[in-house]
């Protein structure tokens, strides 16, 4: 008796493998993006007249972003 491959099982296994690889790739890209922001981000203080702002900068882009006013404590 000659063995015949079951193409539906083969296709199902390939699809499961492809989905597992795609999920792993998405997870790795997400982790790298989060790691980049965490490891390269620094906080600086900027002044505009009498108001001070805490801003974030990164090694990749020196443009300040996410600036928030600093409140005086009394």
Protein backbone atom coordinates (compact mmCIF):
# COMPACT_ATOMS: atom_id res chain seq x y z
CA UNK A 1 0.00 0.00 0.00
CA UNK A 2 1.42 3.36 -1.04
CA UNK A 3 1.40 6.26 1.44
CA UNK A 4 -0.57 9.32 0.36
CA UNK A 5 0.02 12.65 2.09
CA UNK A 6 -2.95 14.26 3.81
CA UNK A 7 -2.77 17.74 2.31
CA UNK A 8 -5.31 19.26 4.69
CA UNK A 9 -3.23 18.26 7.73
CA UNK A 10 -0.07 19.57 6.08
CA UNK A 11 -1.75 22.90 5.24
CA UNK A 12 -3.15 23.20 8.76
CA UNK A 13 0.26 22.57 10.35
CA UNK A 14 1.92 25.09 8.03
CA UNK A 15 -0.72 27.69 8.89
CA UNK A 16 -0.25 27.14 12.63
CA UNK A 17 3.51 27.47 12.22
CA UNK A 18 3.13 30.63 10.16
CA UNK A 19 0.82 32.18 12.77
CA UNK A 20 3.29 31.31 15.55
CA UNK A 21 6.16 32.95 13.64
CA UNK A 22 4.03 36.04 12.90
CA UNK A 23 3.04 36.37 16.57
CA UNK A 24 6.68 36.07 17.64
CA UNK A 25 7.72 38.73 15.10
CA UNK A 26 5.04 41.15 16.30
CA UNK A 27 6.09 40.57 19.91
CA UNK A 28 9.76 41.22 19.08
CA UNK A 29 8.96 44.44 17.18
CA UNK A 30 6.82 45.65 20.11
CA UNK A 31 9.58 44.89 22.63
CA UNK A 32 12.23 46.65 20.54
CA UNK A 33 10.03 49.77 20.20
CA UNK A 34 9.36 49.89 23.95
CA UNK A 35 13.04 49.23 24.74
CA UNK A 36 14.12 52.05 22.40
CA UNK A 37 11.89 54.58 24.18
CA UNK A 38 12.92 53.46 27.65
CA UNK A 39 16.67 53.31 27.07
CA UNK A 40 17.12 56.49 25.04
CA UNK A 41 14.70 58.85 26.80
CA UNK A 42 15.92 61.62 29.13
CA UNK A 43 14.17 64.48 30.91
CA UNK A 44 15.37 68.04 30.60
CA UNK A 45 14.14 71.29 32.15
CA UNK A 46 13.32 74.17 29.79
CA UNK A 47 12.55 77.71 30.88
CA UNK A 48 10.35 80.26 29.19
CA UNK A 49 10.41 83.49 31.18
CA UNK A 50 9.30 82.60 34.69
CA UNK A 51 7.68 79.25 33.72
CA UNK A 52 9.67 75.98 33.72
CA UNK A 53 8.77 72.87 31.74
CA UNK A 54 9.89 69.25 32.10
CA UNK A 55 10.42 67.85 28.59
CA UNK A 56 11.58 64.51 27.25
CA UNK A 57 14.27 64.08 24.61
CA UNK A 58 15.88 60.97 23.15
CA UNK A 59 19.26 60.15 21.66
CA UNK A 60 17.53 59.51 18.34
CA UNK A 61 15.74 62.87 18.14
CA UNK A 62 16.96 65.85 20.15
CA UNK A 63 13.64 67.68 19.68
CA UNK A 64 11.87 68.11 23.04
CA UNK A 65 8.44 66.48 23.32
CA UNK A 66 5.82 65.75 25.98
CA UNK A 67 6.56 69.03 27.80
CA UNK A 68 4.63 69.62 31.02
CA UNK A 69 4.69 72.75 33.19
CA UNK A 70 6.41 72.43 36.54
CA UNK A 71 4.29 73.67 39.43
CA UNK A 72 5.92 75.59 42.27
CA UNK A 73 5.59 73.95 45.67
CA UNK A 74 4.70 76.16 48.60
